[in-house]
Amino acid sequence: MRILPAATLLLALPLAAQPPANLAASMQDISKALGVSCNYCHSAERGSGLPEPKKDIARAMIAMTHDLNAKVAAATGKAAAETVRVECVTCHRGVAIPRPISDIVTQTLREKGIAEAAAQYRDLHAHYYGRQAYDFGDEPLVGVAQRIADARPDDAIALLQLNLEFLPKSARSYVALAYAFTRKIDDFSAMAALEKALEIEPENSIARGQLEQLKSYHRKR
């Protein structure tokens, strides 16, 4: 079977799905959107005829974005120039595989344990903090910790302490930390966490209510 060159395959796309005329500039934009270099897609030696599957994916994604932009224009009844355009960066935001950081941490936690998950989070934070790739607010790790607190309170505590390492003023992290401590029947640590939450947010009614409840019946380990 004869393998057609990339330019020929791109021209074989429907007219609406073809990339801009300045293909080199377009590819540069794509590489920036994914945070990769040219050899991420151009993985085979030039002229070798070897398969380059990521180029096929790129072509499909180019067609997909053109289709989405056409549908947005049709749905809004506006001209294409007047609508918000879907580009590679819309989803990828500087990473090759656009997944929420909570999903990444959850998978690593499940497959490799809390130490690897924490190390991975620190590494991603070091490389991507301040960019648009991942949400490094308090919500992702709080969400993961809340989901596992009943079955794995120690892991939940470790994740929340990691969150507080980067966001020491996160009252939500302290409230979630308090709940995780109660799963270990460590009410004194839970009360200390709730008191920290109230230092940060004195009007936090959830933290205040839980603290009063714990003070009324705290248990001994």
N, C-alpha and C. Protein backbone atom coordinates (compact mmCIF):
# COMPACT_ATOMS: atom_id res chain seq x y z
N MET A 1 0.85 -1.19 0.00
CA MET A 1 0.00 0.00 0.00
C MET A 1 0.88 1.24 0.00
N ARG A 2 0.61 2.18 -0.88
CA ARG A 2 1.41 3.40 -0.96
C ARG A 2 0.99 4.37 0.14
N ILE A 3 1.97 4.88 0.88
CA ILE A 3 1.69 5.83 1.96
C ILE A 3 1.77 7.24 1.41
N LEU A 4 0.69 7.98 1.50
CA LEU A 4 0.66 9.33 0.98
C LEU A 4 1.36 10.29 1.92
N PRO A 5 2.00 11.32 1.40
CA PRO A 5 2.64 12.31 2.27
C PRO A 5 1.60 13.09 3.07
N ALA A 6 2.08 13.70 4.16
CA ALA A 6 1.17 14.40 5.08
C ALA A 6 0.37 15.48 4.36
N ALA A 7 1.05 16.27 3.50
CA ALA A 7 0.35 17.36 2.83
C ALA A 7 -0.80 16.85 1.98
N THR A 8 -0.59 15.69 1.30
CA THR A 8 -1.65 15.11 0.47
C THR A 8 -2.83 14.67 1.32
N LEU A 9 -2.52 14.05 2.47
CA LEU A 9 -3.59 13.60 3.35
C LEU A 9 -4.37 14.78 3.92
N LEU A 10 -3.68 15.86 4.25
CA LEU A 10 -4.36 17.04 4.78
C LEU A 10 -5.29 17.63 3.72
N LEU A 11 -4.83 17.64 2.47
CA LEU A 11 -5.66 18.18 1.41
C LEU A 11 -6.85 17.27 1.11
N ALA A 12 -6.77 16.01 1.55
CA ALA A 12 -7.88 15.08 1.33
C ALA A 12 -9.03 15.32 2.30
N LEU A 13 -8.78 16.16 3.33
CA LEU A 13 -9.85 16.49 4.26
C LEU A 13 -10.90 17.31 3.54
N PRO A 14 -12.16 17.27 4.04
CA PRO A 14 -13.17 18.18 3.48
C PRO A 14 -12.69 19.62 3.58
N LEU A 15 -13.15 20.47 2.67
CA LEU A 15 -12.66 21.84 2.61
C LEU A 15 -12.79 22.54 3.95
N ALA A 16 -13.94 22.37 4.63
CA ALA A 16 -14.16 23.05 5.90
C ALA A 16 -13.24 22.55 6.98
N ALA A 17 -12.66 21.35 6.80
CA ALA A 17 -11.82 20.75 7.84
C ALA A 17 -10.34 20.91 7.56
N GLN A 18 -10.00 21.59 6.45
CA GLN A 18 -8.60 21.74 6.13
C GLN A 18 -7.95 22.80 7.02
N PRO A 19 -6.66 22.61 7.36
CA PRO A 19 -5.97 23.58 8.20
C PRO A 19 -5.67 24.85 7.44
N PRO A 20 -5.20 25.90 8.13
CA PRO A 20 -4.88 27.16 7.46
C PRO A 20 -3.83 26.97 6.38
N ALA A 21 -3.78 27.96 5.46
CA ALA A 21 -2.82 27.88 4.36
C ALA A 21 -1.39 27.86 4.89
N ASN A 22 -1.11 28.61 5.96
CA ASN A 22 0.23 28.64 6.53
C ASN A 22 0.36 27.46 7.49
N LEU A 23 0.61 26.28 6.92
CA LEU A 23 0.61 25.06 7.72
C LEU A 23 1.73 25.05 8.75
N ALA A 24 2.89 25.60 8.40
CA ALA A 24 4.01 25.60 9.34
C ALA A 24 3.67 26.39 10.59
N ALA A 25 3.06 27.56 10.42
CA ALA A 25 2.66 28.37 11.58
C ALA A 25 1.58 27.66 12.38
N SER A 26 0.67 26.99 11.67
CA SER A 26 -0.39 26.25 12.36
C SER A 26 0.19 25.13 13.21
N MET A 27 1.19 24.42 12.68
CA MET A 27 1.80 23.33 13.45
C MET A 27 2.54 23.87 14.67
N GLN A 28 3.13 25.06 14.53
CA GLN A 28 3.79 25.67 15.68
C GLN A 28 2.77 25.98 16.77
N ASP A 29 1.61 26.47 16.37
CA ASP A 29 0.56 26.76 17.35
C ASP A 29 0.09 25.47 18.04
N ILE A 30 -0.01 24.40 17.26
CA ILE A 30 -0.44 23.12 17.83
C ILE A 30 0.58 22.62 18.85
N SER A 31 1.86 22.69 18.50
CA SER A 31 2.90 22.20 19.41
C SER A 31 2.90 23.00 20.72
N LYS A 32 2.68 24.32 20.61
CA LYS A 32 2.61 25.15 21.82
C LYS A 32 1.40 24.79 22.65
N ALA A 33 0.29 24.54 22.00
CA ALA A 33 -0.95 24.20 22.71
C ALA A 33 -0.80 22.91 23.50
N LEU A 34 -0.01 21.96 22.96
CA LEU A 34 0.18 20.67 23.61
C LEU A 34 1.42 20.63 24.48
N GLY A 35 2.24 21.67 24.42
CA GLY A 35 3.46 21.69 25.22
C GLY A 35 4.47 20.66 24.75
N VAL A 36 4.54 20.42 23.43
CA VAL A 36 5.44 19.40 22.89
C VAL A 36 6.31 20.01 21.80
N SER A 37 7.31 19.24 21.35
CA SER A 37 8.15 19.66 20.24
C SER A 37 7.68 18.95 18.97
N CYS A 38 8.30 19.30 17.84
CA CYS A 38 7.86 18.77 16.54
C CYS A 38 7.90 17.24 16.48
N ASN A 39 8.94 16.64 17.11
CA ASN A 39 9.09 15.19 16.99
C ASN A 39 8.05 14.40 17.79
N TYR A 40 7.17 15.09 18.50
CA TYR A 40 6.06 14.39 19.16
C TYR A 40 5.16 13.74 18.12
N CYS A 41 4.90 14.45 17.02
CA CYS A 41 4.12 13.89 15.91
C CYS A 41 5.01 13.34 14.80
N HIS A 42 6.07 14.10 14.47
CA HIS A 42 7.00 13.69 13.40
C HIS A 42 8.04 12.75 14.01
N SER A 43 7.61 11.55 14.31
CA SER A 43 8.45 10.63 15.08
C SER A 43 9.34 9.74 14.21
N ALA A 44 9.03 9.62 12.94
CA ALA A 44 9.83 8.77 12.04
C ALA A 44 10.82 9.61 11.24
N GLU A 45 11.88 8.97 10.79
CA GLU A 45 12.86 9.67 9.97
C GLU A 45 12.20 10.13 8.68
N ARG A 46 12.50 11.34 8.27
CA ARG A 46 11.88 11.93 7.08
C ARG A 46 12.11 11.05 5.85
N GLY A 47 11.05 10.74 5.16
CA GLY A 47 11.14 9.94 3.94
C GLY A 47 11.19 8.45 4.17
N SER A 48 11.14 8.01 5.44
CA SER A 48 11.24 6.58 5.73
C SER A 48 9.96 5.83 5.42
N GLY A 49 8.85 6.53 5.41
CA GLY A 49 7.57 5.87 5.17
C GLY A 49 7.03 5.12 6.37
N LEU A 50 7.73 5.21 7.51
CA LEU A 50 7.26 4.53 8.71
C LEU A 50 6.02 5.23 9.27
N PRO A 51 5.15 4.47 9.92
CA PRO A 51 3.91 5.07 10.45
C PRO A 51 4.21 6.10 11.53
N GLU A 52 3.38 7.12 11.56
CA GLU A 52 3.46 8.16 12.58
C GLU A 52 2.04 8.39 13.11
N PRO A 53 1.59 7.53 14.03
CA PRO A 53 0.17 7.54 14.45
C PRO A 53 -0.30 8.86 15.03
N LYS A 54 0.60 9.61 15.68
CA LYS A 54 0.15 10.87 16.29
C LYS A 54 -0.19 11.91 15.22
N LYS A 55 0.41 11.78 14.04
CA LYS A 55 0.04 12.68 12.95
C LYS A 55 -1.38 12.39 12.49
N ASP A 56 -1.75 11.10 12.47
CA ASP A 56 -3.13 10.75 12.11
C ASP A 56 -4.11 11.33 13.13
N ILE A 57 -3.73 11.24 14.41
CA ILE A 57 -4.58 11.81 15.46
C ILE A 57 -4.69 13.32 15.28
N ALA A 58 -3.56 13.97 14.96
CA ALA A 58 -3.57 15.42 14.77
C ALA A 58 -4.51 15.82 13.64
N ARG A 59 -4.47 15.07 12.53
CA ARG A 59 -5.36 15.38 11.41
C ARG A 59 -6.82 15.25 11.83
N ALA A 60 -7.12 14.17 12.59
CA ALA A 60 -8.50 13.98 13.05
C ALA A 60 -8.91 15.11 13.99
N MET A 61 -8.00 15.57 14.82
CA MET A 61 -8.30 16.64 15.75
C MET A 61 -8.50 17.97 15.03
N ILE A 62 -7.70 18.22 13.98
CA ILE A 62 -7.88 19.42 13.17
C ILE A 62 -9.28 19.43 12.56
N ALA A 63 -9.67 18.28 12.01
CA ALA A 63 -11.01 18.16 11.42
C ALA A 63 -12.08 18.38 12.49
N MET A 64 -11.85 17.82 13.68
CA MET A 64 -12.83 17.96 14.76
C MET A 64 -13.02 19.41 15.17
N THR A 65 -11.92 20.17 15.30
CA THR A 65 -12.05 21.56 15.71
C THR A 65 -12.77 22.39 14.65
N HIS A 66 -12.50 22.11 13.39
CA HIS A 66 -13.22 22.81 12.32
C HIS A 66 -14.71 22.50 12.39
N ASP A 67 -15.04 21.23 12.65
CA ASP A 67 -16.43 20.82 12.74
C ASP A 67 -17.12 21.49 13.94
N LEU A 68 -16.41 21.54 15.07
CA LEU A 68 -16.98 22.17 16.26
C LEU A 68 -17.23 23.66 16.02
N ASN A 69 -16.28 24.32 15.38
CA ASN A 69 -16.46 25.74 15.12
C ASN A 69 -17.63 26.00 14.18
N ALA A 70 -17.81 25.12 13.21
CA ALA A 70 -18.96 25.26 12.31
C ALA A 70 -20.27 25.07 13.07
N LYS A 71 -20.28 24.10 14.01
CA LYS A 71 -21.49 23.84 14.79
C LYS A 71 -21.79 24.99 15.75
N VAL A 72 -20.74 25.59 16.33
CA VAL A 72 -20.94 26.74 17.22
C VAL A 72 -21.56 27.90 16.44
N ALA A 73 -21.04 28.15 15.25
CA ALA A 73 -21.59 29.23 14.42
C ALA A 73 -23.05 28.95 14.07
N ALA A 74 -23.36 27.69 13.75
CA ALA A 74 -24.73 27.33 13.39
C ALA A 74 -25.66 27.44 14.59
N ALA A 75 -25.18 27.02 15.77
CA ALA A 75 -26.02 27.04 16.96
C ALA A 75 -26.31 28.46 17.44
N THR A 76 -25.34 29.36 17.30
CA THR A 76 -25.52 30.73 17.77
C THR A 76 -26.14 31.64 16.73
N GLY A 77 -26.12 31.19 15.47
CA GLY A 77 -26.64 32.02 14.41
C GLY A 77 -25.75 33.20 14.07
N LYS A 78 -24.49 33.11 14.50
CA LYS A 78 -23.55 34.19 14.25
C LYS A 78 -22.55 33.77 13.17
N ALA A 79 -21.94 34.76 12.58
CA ALA A 79 -20.87 34.47 11.63
C ALA A 79 -19.69 33.88 12.38
N ALA A 80 -18.89 33.06 11.70
CA ALA A 80 -17.77 32.39 12.35
C ALA A 80 -16.84 33.38 13.03
N ALA A 81 -16.66 34.56 12.41
CA ALA A 81 -15.74 35.55 12.97
C ALA A 81 -16.26 36.17 14.26
N GLU A 82 -17.56 35.99 14.54
CA GLU A 82 -18.17 36.60 15.72
C GLU A 82 -18.32 35.63 16.89
N THR A 83 -17.95 34.38 16.71
CA THR A 83 -18.09 33.39 17.78
C THR A 83 -16.73 33.10 18.41
N VAL A 84 -16.77 32.54 19.61
CA VAL A 84 -15.53 32.08 20.26
C VAL A 84 -15.07 30.82 19.56
N ARG A 85 -13.83 30.83 19.07
CA ARG A 85 -13.34 29.69 18.32
C ARG A 85 -12.76 28.63 19.23
N VAL A 86 -13.00 27.37 18.87
CA VAL A 86 -12.38 26.24 19.54
C VAL A 86 -11.03 25.99 18.88
N GLU A 87 -9.98 26.03 19.66
CA GLU A 87 -8.63 25.75 19.16
C GLU A 87 -8.03 24.61 19.97
N CYS A 88 -6.88 24.12 19.56
CA CYS A 88 -6.24 23.03 20.31
C CYS A 88 -6.03 23.41 21.77
N VAL A 89 -5.63 24.67 21.99
CA VAL A 89 -5.32 25.12 23.35
C VAL A 89 -6.57 25.17 24.22
N THR A 90 -7.76 25.22 23.61
CA THR A 90 -8.99 25.28 24.39
C THR A 90 -9.10 24.12 25.37
N CYS A 91 -8.71 22.94 24.92
CA CYS A 91 -8.73 21.76 25.79
C CYS A 91 -7.35 21.42 26.35
N HIS A 92 -6.33 21.49 25.51
CA HIS A 92 -5.01 21.01 25.92
C HIS A 92 -4.32 21.92 26.92
N ARG A 93 -4.39 23.21 26.75
CA ARG A 93 -3.84 24.18 27.70
C ARG A 93 -2.41 23.86 28.11
N GLY A 94 -1.60 23.49 27.12
CA GLY A 94 -0.18 23.29 27.37
C GLY A 94 0.23 21.88 27.75
N VAL A 95 -0.69 20.91 27.72
CA VAL A 95 -0.34 19.53 28.03
C VAL A 95 -0.82 18.61 26.91
N ALA A 96 -0.07 17.54 26.66
CA ALA A 96 -0.39 16.65 25.54
C ALA A 96 -1.68 15.88 25.77
N ILE A 97 -1.89 15.41 27.01
CA ILE A 97 -3.10 14.64 27.34
C ILE A 97 -3.90 15.48 28.33
N PRO A 98 -4.98 16.11 27.87
CA PRO A 98 -5.70 17.07 28.72
C PRO A 98 -6.66 16.39 29.70
N ARG A 99 -6.16 16.07 30.88
CA ARG A 99 -6.99 15.47 31.92
C ARG A 99 -6.96 16.36 33.15
N PRO A 100 -8.05 16.46 33.89
CA PRO A 100 -8.03 17.23 35.14
C PRO A 100 -6.99 16.64 36.11
N ILE A 101 -6.37 17.48 36.87
CA ILE A 101 -5.33 17.00 37.78
C ILE A 101 -5.90 16.06 38.84
N SER A 102 -7.17 16.24 39.18
CA SER A 102 -7.79 15.32 40.15
C SER A 102 -7.84 13.90 39.60
N ASP A 103 -8.11 13.76 38.30
CA ASP A 103 -8.12 12.43 37.68
C ASP A 103 -6.72 11.82 37.66
N ILE A 104 -5.72 12.65 37.37
CA ILE A 104 -4.34 12.17 37.32
C ILE A 104 -3.91 11.67 38.70
N VAL A 105 -4.17 12.47 39.73
CA VAL A 105 -3.78 12.09 41.09
C VAL A 105 -4.54 10.84 41.53
N THR A 106 -5.82 10.77 41.22
CA THR A 106 -6.62 9.61 41.62
C THR A 106 -6.08 8.32 41.00
N GLN A 107 -5.74 8.37 39.71
CA GLN A 107 -5.22 7.19 39.04
C GLN A 107 -3.88 6.76 39.64
N THR A 108 -2.98 7.71 39.88
CA THR A 108 -1.69 7.37 40.46
C THR A 108 -1.84 6.86 41.88
N LEU A 109 -2.74 7.46 42.63
CA LEU A 109 -3.01 6.99 43.99
C LEU A 109 -3.49 5.55 43.98
N ARG A 110 -4.38 5.24 43.05
CA ARG A 110 -4.93 3.89 42.96
C ARG A 110 -3.89 2.88 42.52
N GLU A 111 -3.05 3.26 41.57
CA GLU A 111 -2.11 2.31 40.97
C GLU A 111 -0.76 2.24 41.68
N LYS A 112 -0.32 3.37 42.29
CA LYS A 112 1.04 3.40 42.84
C LYS A 112 1.13 3.85 44.29
N GLY A 113 0.02 4.35 44.85
CA GLY A 113 0.05 4.73 46.25
C GLY A 113 0.24 6.22 46.47
N ILE A 114 0.08 6.63 47.74
CA ILE A 114 0.07 8.04 48.09
C ILE A 114 1.42 8.71 47.87
N ALA A 115 2.51 8.03 48.12
CA ALA A 115 3.83 8.66 47.96
C ALA A 115 4.07 9.06 46.50
N GLU A 116 3.72 8.16 45.57
CA GLU A 116 3.90 8.47 44.15
C GLU A 116 2.94 9.56 43.70
N ALA A 117 1.71 9.52 44.22
CA ALA A 117 0.73 10.55 43.85
C ALA A 117 1.18 11.92 44.32
N ALA A 118 1.70 11.99 45.55
CA ALA A 118 2.17 13.27 46.08
C ALA A 118 3.39 13.77 45.30
N ALA A 119 4.31 12.86 44.97
CA ALA A 119 5.49 13.25 44.19
C ALA A 119 5.08 13.76 42.82
N GLN A 120 4.11 13.10 42.20
CA GLN A 120 3.64 13.51 40.89
C GLN A 120 3.00 14.90 40.96
N TYR A 121 2.21 15.14 41.99
CA TYR A 121 1.57 16.45 42.14
C TYR A 121 2.63 17.54 42.29
N ARG A 122 3.63 17.29 43.12
CA ARG A 122 4.69 18.28 43.31
C ARG A 122 5.42 18.56 41.99
N ASP A 123 5.65 17.49 41.22
CA ASP A 123 6.35 17.65 39.94
C ASP A 123 5.52 18.48 38.96
N LEU A 124 4.22 18.19 38.88
CA LEU A 124 3.35 18.95 38.00
C LEU A 124 3.25 20.40 38.45
N HIS A 125 3.21 20.59 39.76
CA HIS A 125 3.15 21.95 40.29
C HIS A 125 4.41 22.73 39.92
N ALA A 126 5.56 22.06 40.04
CA ALA A 126 6.82 22.72 39.73
C ALA A 126 6.91 23.10 38.25
N HIS A 127 6.34 22.26 37.38
CA HIS A 127 6.46 22.50 35.94
C HIS A 127 5.36 23.41 35.38
N TYR A 128 4.17 23.35 35.97
CA TYR A 128 3.03 24.00 35.33
C TYR A 128 2.35 25.09 36.14
N TYR A 129 2.74 25.29 37.40
CA TYR A 129 2.07 26.31 38.20
C TYR A 129 2.24 27.69 37.54
N GLY A 130 1.16 28.44 37.52
CA GLY A 130 1.20 29.76 36.90
C GLY A 130 0.87 29.76 35.42
N ARG A 131 0.74 28.55 34.85
CA ARG A 131 0.32 28.44 33.46
C ARG A 131 -1.14 28.01 33.45
N GLN A 132 -1.68 27.74 32.27
CA GLN A 132 -3.09 27.42 32.17
C GLN A 132 -3.36 25.92 32.05
N ALA A 133 -2.36 25.10 32.37
CA ALA A 133 -2.48 23.66 32.14
C ALA A 133 -3.38 22.97 33.16
N TYR A 134 -3.15 23.21 34.45
CA TYR A 134 -3.88 22.49 35.50
C TYR A 134 -4.44 23.46 36.52
N ASP A 135 -5.49 23.01 37.20
CA ASP A 135 -6.07 23.78 38.29
C ASP A 135 -5.33 23.42 39.57
N PHE A 136 -4.50 24.34 40.04
CA PHE A 136 -3.77 24.11 41.28
C PHE A 136 -4.43 24.82 42.46
N GLY A 137 -5.71 25.12 42.33
CA GLY A 137 -6.46 25.63 43.47
C GLY A 137 -6.71 24.52 44.47
N ASP A 138 -7.47 24.80 45.51
CA ASP A 138 -7.65 23.78 46.56
C ASP A 138 -8.67 22.72 46.19
N GLU A 139 -9.55 22.98 45.22
CA GLU A 139 -10.64 22.06 44.93
C GLU A 139 -10.22 20.66 44.48
N PRO A 140 -9.27 20.51 43.52
CA PRO A 140 -8.97 19.15 43.04
C PRO A 140 -8.55 18.18 44.14
N LEU A 141 -7.59 18.54 44.99
CA LEU A 141 -7.14 17.61 46.02
C LEU A 141 -8.17 17.46 47.14
N VAL A 142 -8.90 18.53 47.44
CA VAL A 142 -9.99 18.40 48.41
C VAL A 142 -11.01 17.40 47.91
N GLY A 143 -11.36 17.49 46.63
CA GLY A 143 -12.34 16.57 46.05
C GLY A 143 -11.88 15.13 46.12
N VAL A 144 -10.61 14.87 45.76
CA VAL A 144 -10.09 13.50 45.82
C VAL A 144 -10.10 13.01 47.27
N ALA A 145 -9.64 13.85 48.19
CA ALA A 145 -9.57 13.45 49.60
C ALA A 145 -10.95 13.13 50.17
N GLN A 146 -11.93 13.94 49.81
CA GLN A 146 -13.29 13.68 50.32
C GLN A 146 -13.84 12.36 49.81
N ARG A 147 -13.48 11.99 48.58
CA ARG A 147 -13.99 10.73 48.03
C ARG A 147 -13.38 9.51 48.70
N ILE A 148 -12.16 9.64 49.21
CA ILE A 148 -11.49 8.45 49.76
C ILE A 148 -11.38 8.46 51.28
N ALA A 149 -11.87 9.53 51.92
CA ALA A 149 -11.64 9.69 53.37
C ALA A 149 -12.21 8.55 54.20
N ASP A 150 -13.38 8.04 53.85
CA ASP A 150 -13.99 6.98 54.66
C ASP A 150 -13.19 5.69 54.60
N ALA A 151 -12.74 5.32 53.39
CA ALA A 151 -12.02 4.05 53.24
C ALA A 151 -10.52 4.19 53.48
N ARG A 152 -9.96 5.35 53.15
CA ARG A 152 -8.50 5.53 53.24
C ARG A 152 -8.17 6.87 53.89
N PRO A 153 -8.49 7.01 55.17
CA PRO A 153 -8.29 8.31 55.81
C PRO A 153 -6.84 8.78 55.83
N ASP A 154 -5.89 7.86 55.97
CA ASP A 154 -4.48 8.27 56.00
C ASP A 154 -4.06 8.90 54.67
N ASP A 155 -4.52 8.32 53.56
CA ASP A 155 -4.21 8.89 52.25
C ASP A 155 -4.90 10.24 52.07
N ALA A 156 -6.13 10.34 52.55
CA ALA A 156 -6.84 11.62 52.46
C ALA A 156 -6.10 12.69 53.24
N ILE A 157 -5.64 12.34 54.45
CA ILE A 157 -4.90 13.30 55.28
C ILE A 157 -3.62 13.74 54.56
N ALA A 158 -2.92 12.78 53.95
CA ALA A 158 -1.68 13.12 53.24
C ALA A 158 -1.94 14.07 52.08
N LEU A 159 -3.02 13.84 51.34
CA LEU A 159 -3.35 14.72 50.21
C LEU A 159 -3.71 16.12 50.69
N LEU A 160 -4.45 16.21 51.77
CA LEU A 160 -4.86 17.51 52.28
C LEU A 160 -3.68 18.27 52.87
N GLN A 161 -2.77 17.55 53.51
CA GLN A 161 -1.56 18.20 54.00
C GLN A 161 -0.70 18.69 52.83
N LEU A 162 -0.71 17.94 51.73
CA LEU A 162 -0.03 18.38 50.51
C LEU A 162 -0.67 19.66 49.99
N ASN A 163 -2.00 19.70 49.99
CA ASN A 163 -2.71 20.90 49.55
C ASN A 163 -2.31 22.10 50.39
N LEU A 164 -2.23 21.89 51.70
CA LEU A 164 -1.89 22.99 52.61
C LEU A 164 -0.43 23.40 52.49
N GLU A 165 0.40 22.50 51.99
CA GLU A 165 1.80 22.84 51.73
C GLU A 165 1.88 23.98 50.72
N PHE A 166 1.00 23.95 49.72
CA PHE A 166 0.99 24.97 48.68
C PHE A 166 -0.02 26.08 48.96
N LEU A 167 -1.09 25.74 49.68
CA LEU A 167 -2.17 26.71 49.94
C LEU A 167 -2.47 26.75 51.44
N PRO A 168 -1.57 27.33 52.24
CA PRO A 168 -1.72 27.29 53.70
C PRO A 168 -2.94 28.04 54.21
N LYS A 169 -3.57 28.86 53.37
CA LYS A 169 -4.75 29.60 53.80
C LYS A 169 -6.05 28.99 53.28
N SER A 170 -6.01 27.72 52.94
CA SER A 170 -7.20 27.04 52.42
C SER A 170 -8.05 26.50 53.56
N ALA A 171 -9.07 27.25 53.95
CA ALA A 171 -9.97 26.79 55.01
C ALA A 171 -10.68 25.50 54.62
N ARG A 172 -11.01 25.37 53.34
CA ARG A 172 -11.70 24.16 52.86
C ARG A 172 -10.84 22.93 53.09
N SER A 173 -9.53 23.07 52.91
CA SER A 173 -8.64 21.94 53.14
C SER A 173 -8.64 21.54 54.62
N TYR A 174 -8.66 22.52 55.49
CA TYR A 174 -8.68 22.21 56.93
C TYR A 174 -9.98 21.55 57.35
N VAL A 175 -11.10 21.99 56.77
CA VAL A 175 -12.39 21.36 57.10
C VAL A 175 -12.40 19.90 56.63
N ALA A 176 -11.91 19.68 55.41
CA ALA A 176 -11.84 18.31 54.90
C ALA A 176 -10.86 17.47 55.71
N LEU A 177 -9.77 18.10 56.14
CA LEU A 177 -8.78 17.40 56.97
C LEU A 177 -9.40 16.97 58.29
N ALA A 178 -10.22 17.84 58.86
CA ALA A 178 -10.89 17.50 60.11
C ALA A 178 -11.76 16.26 59.94
N TYR A 179 -12.51 16.20 58.85
CA TYR A 179 -13.35 15.02 58.61
C TYR A 179 -12.50 13.76 58.49
N ALA A 180 -11.40 13.85 57.77
CA ALA A 180 -10.53 12.67 57.63
C ALA A 180 -10.00 12.21 58.98
N PHE A 181 -9.66 13.15 59.85
CA PHE A 181 -9.19 12.78 61.20
C PHE A 181 -10.29 12.09 62.00
N THR A 182 -11.54 12.51 61.82
CA THR A 182 -12.62 11.84 62.56
C THR A 182 -12.79 10.40 62.11
N ARG A 183 -12.42 10.09 60.86
CA ARG A 183 -12.51 8.70 60.39
C ARG A 183 -11.50 7.82 61.11
N LYS A 184 -10.47 8.43 61.70
CA LYS A 184 -9.46 7.70 62.47
C LYS A 184 -9.73 7.82 63.97
N ILE A 185 -10.91 8.36 64.31
CA ILE A 185 -11.30 8.62 65.71
C ILE A 185 -10.22 9.47 66.40
N ASP A 186 -9.72 10.44 65.68
CA ASP A 186 -8.74 11.38 66.22
C ASP A 186 -9.41 12.75 66.28
N ASP A 187 -10.32 12.88 67.26
CA ASP A 187 -11.11 14.09 67.34
C ASP A 187 -10.30 15.31 67.76
N PHE A 188 -9.24 15.11 68.53
CA PHE A 188 -8.42 16.24 68.94
C PHE A 188 -7.73 16.88 67.73
N SER A 189 -7.19 16.05 66.83
CA SER A 189 -6.58 16.58 65.61
C SER A 189 -7.64 17.23 64.72
N ALA A 190 -8.84 16.64 64.70
CA ALA A 190 -9.92 17.21 63.90
C ALA A 190 -10.29 18.59 64.44
N MET A 191 -10.38 18.71 65.76
CA MET A 191 -10.73 20.02 66.34
C MET A 191 -9.63 21.05 66.05
N ALA A 192 -8.37 20.62 66.10
CA ALA A 192 -7.27 21.54 65.79
C ALA A 192 -7.37 22.02 64.35
N ALA A 193 -7.73 21.14 63.43
CA ALA A 193 -7.87 21.51 62.03
C ALA A 193 -9.03 22.50 61.85
N LEU A 194 -10.13 22.27 62.54
CA LEU A 194 -11.27 23.18 62.44
C LEU A 194 -10.95 24.55 63.04
N GLU A 195 -10.18 24.55 64.10
CA GLU A 195 -9.77 25.83 64.68
C GLU A 195 -8.89 26.62 63.71
N LYS A 196 -8.03 25.91 62.95
CA LYS A 196 -7.21 26.57 61.94
C LYS A 196 -8.10 27.15 60.83
N ALA A 197 -9.13 26.38 60.46
CA ALA A 197 -10.06 26.86 59.43
C ALA A 197 -10.73 28.15 59.89
N LEU A 198 -11.10 28.22 61.17
CA LEU A 198 -11.77 29.40 61.69
C LEU A 198 -10.82 30.58 61.87
N GLU A 199 -9.54 30.30 62.07
CA GLU A 199 -8.57 31.40 62.09
C GLU A 199 -8.51 32.09 60.73
N ILE A 200 -8.65 31.27 59.68
CA ILE A 200 -8.58 31.80 58.31
C ILE A 200 -9.91 32.43 57.91
N GLU A 201 -11.02 31.75 58.25
CA GLU A 201 -12.35 32.23 57.90
C GLU A 201 -13.23 32.20 59.14
N PRO A 202 -13.21 33.25 59.96
CA PRO A 202 -13.98 33.27 61.21
C PRO A 202 -15.48 33.06 61.02
N GLU A 203 -15.99 33.40 59.84
CA GLU A 203 -17.43 33.27 59.60
C GLU A 203 -17.79 31.93 58.93
N ASN A 204 -16.88 31.00 58.90
CA ASN A 204 -17.15 29.70 58.26
C ASN A 204 -18.09 28.90 59.16
N SER A 205 -19.36 28.89 58.81
CA SER A 205 -20.37 28.25 59.66
C SER A 205 -20.23 26.73 59.69
N ILE A 206 -19.73 26.14 58.61
CA ILE A 206 -19.55 24.69 58.59
C ILE A 206 -18.48 24.29 59.59
N ALA A 207 -17.34 24.99 59.55
CA ALA A 207 -16.25 24.68 60.49
C ALA A 207 -16.69 24.93 61.92
N ARG A 208 -17.42 26.02 62.16
CA ARG A 208 -17.86 26.33 63.53
C ARG A 208 -18.84 25.29 64.05
N GLY A 209 -19.78 24.90 63.20
CA GLY A 209 -20.76 23.90 63.62
C GLY A 209 -20.11 22.56 63.92
N GLN A 210 -19.18 22.13 63.07
CA GLN A 210 -18.51 20.85 63.29
C GLN A 210 -17.63 20.90 64.53
N LEU A 211 -16.99 22.03 64.78
CA LEU A 211 -16.14 22.16 65.95
C LEU A 211 -16.97 22.08 67.23
N GLU A 212 -18.09 22.77 67.26
CA GLU A 212 -18.96 22.72 68.44
C GLU A 212 -19.48 21.31 68.67
N GLN A 213 -19.82 20.63 67.60
CA GLN A 213 -20.30 19.26 67.72
C GLN A 213 -19.22 18.34 68.28
N LEU A 214 -18.00 18.47 67.78
CA LEU A 214 -16.91 17.63 68.27
C LEU A 214 -16.59 17.92 69.73
N LYS A 215 -16.61 19.18 70.10
CA LYS A 215 -16.30 19.54 71.49
C LYS A 215 -17.32 18.95 72.46
N SER A 216 -18.54 18.75 71.98
CA SER A 216 -19.60 18.25 72.86
C SER A 216 -19.50 16.75 73.14
N TYR A 217 -18.80 16.03 72.26
CA TYR A 217 -18.77 14.57 72.48
C TYR A 217 -17.47 13.93 72.05
N HIS A 218 -16.35 14.67 71.97
CA HIS A 218 -15.15 14.08 71.37
C HIS A 218 -14.79 12.76 72.03
N ARG A 219 -14.31 11.87 71.19
CA ARG A 219 -14.02 10.48 71.60
C ARG A 219 -12.55 10.30 71.92
N LYS A 220 -12.24 9.30 72.66
CA LYS A 220 -10.85 8.95 72.94
C LYS A 220 -10.48 7.77 72.06
N ARG A 221 -9.27 7.82 71.53
CA ARG A 221 -8.79 6.74 70.65
C ARG A 221 -8.49 5.50 71.47
